[in-house]
Amino acid sequence: MNVQKPNNTHERVRDFQNRLYLTAKTNKKRRFHAMYDKIYRKDILEEAWKRVKTNGGAGGIDNVSVADVIEYGEE
């Protein structure tokens, strides 16, 4: 079976989220112990930033605002 890979960042992130969801639903005892290597991908972080920036975001525990990140440098 030839599965076509998503070609843009939004589709790749959505595909990644869907695979995690299906894995968790398929096996209720499945635990995700090492997620850092999966979410610290450049495409995942870029998509997350795009979503936060688009919706205005909210200061987290570190009190860093969207404006602070833009000033510091988005890259």
Protein backbone atom coordinates (compact mmCIF):
# COMPACT_ATOMS: atom_id res chain seq x y z
CA MET A 1 0.00 0.00 0.00
CA ASN A 2 1.42 3.39 -0.99
CA VAL A 3 0.56 6.05 1.59
CA GLN A 4 0.97 9.62 0.42
CA LYS A 5 2.81 11.86 2.88
CA PRO A 6 1.37 15.30 3.65
CA ASN A 7 3.22 18.02 1.78
CA ASN A 8 2.75 21.15 3.87
CA THR A 9 3.53 21.90 7.49
CA HIS A 10 -0.08 22.15 8.63
CA GLU A 11 -0.93 18.78 7.07
CA ARG A 12 2.21 17.14 8.53
CA VAL A 13 1.40 18.40 12.02
CA ARG A 14 -2.24 17.32 11.71
CA ASP A 15 -1.08 13.89 10.50
CA PHE A 16 1.31 13.64 13.46
CA GLN A 17 -1.46 14.60 15.92
CA ASN A 18 -3.81 12.08 14.32
CA ARG A 19 -1.24 9.26 14.54
CA LEU A 20 -0.64 10.00 18.24
CA TYR A 21 -4.38 10.10 18.89
CA LEU A 22 -5.02 6.80 17.08
CA THR A 23 -2.11 5.13 18.85
CA ALA A 24 -3.44 6.23 22.25
CA LYS A 25 -7.01 5.15 21.42
CA THR A 26 -5.94 1.79 20.00
CA ASN A 27 -3.99 0.83 23.09
CA LYS A 28 -5.33 2.32 26.34
CA LYS A 29 -2.22 1.15 28.22
CA ARG A 30 0.18 2.87 25.79
CA ARG A 31 2.25 5.56 27.49
CA PHE A 32 4.23 8.23 25.71
CA HIS A 33 7.34 8.63 27.85
CA ALA A 34 9.70 10.36 25.45
CA MET A 35 7.78 13.00 23.53
CA TYR A 36 10.48 15.67 23.51
CA ASP A 37 12.13 14.31 20.37
CA LYS A 38 8.75 14.27 18.61
CA ILE A 39 7.53 17.76 19.48
CA TYR A 40 10.89 19.48 19.22
CA ARG A 41 10.84 19.14 15.45
CA LYS A 42 11.20 22.37 13.51
CA ASP A 43 7.96 21.83 11.57
CA ILE A 44 5.99 21.13 14.76
CA LEU A 45 7.37 24.21 16.53
CA GLU A 46 6.77 26.45 13.50
CA GLU A 47 3.16 25.33 13.24
CA ALA A 48 2.63 25.79 16.98
CA TRP A 49 4.07 29.32 16.82
CA LYS A 50 1.91 30.16 13.81
CA ARG A 51 -1.20 29.05 15.70
CA VAL A 52 -0.29 30.92 18.89
CA LYS A 53 0.55 34.08 16.96
CA THR A 54 -2.67 33.89 14.93
CA ASN A 55 -4.94 33.50 17.96
CA GLY A 56 -3.13 36.14 20.01
CA GLY A 57 -1.73 33.60 22.42
CA ALA A 58 -1.64 34.00 26.16
CA GLY A 59 1.24 34.39 28.55
CA GLY A 60 2.16 31.08 30.05
CA ILE A 61 3.92 30.37 33.30
CA ASP A 62 6.94 32.30 32.01
CA ASN A 63 4.84 35.45 31.29
CA VAL A 64 6.37 35.75 27.81
CA SER A 65 3.94 37.43 25.43
CA VAL A 66 3.66 37.07 21.66
CA ALA A 67 5.13 40.60 21.38
CA ASP A 68 8.10 39.51 23.53
CA VAL A 69 8.82 36.59 21.23
CA ILE A 70 8.56 38.78 18.14
CA GLU A 71 10.91 41.32 19.71
CA TYR A 72 13.38 38.61 20.75
CA GLY A 73 13.18 36.95 17.35
CA GLU A 74 10.73 34.41 16.01
CA GLU A 75 13.37 32.17 14.47
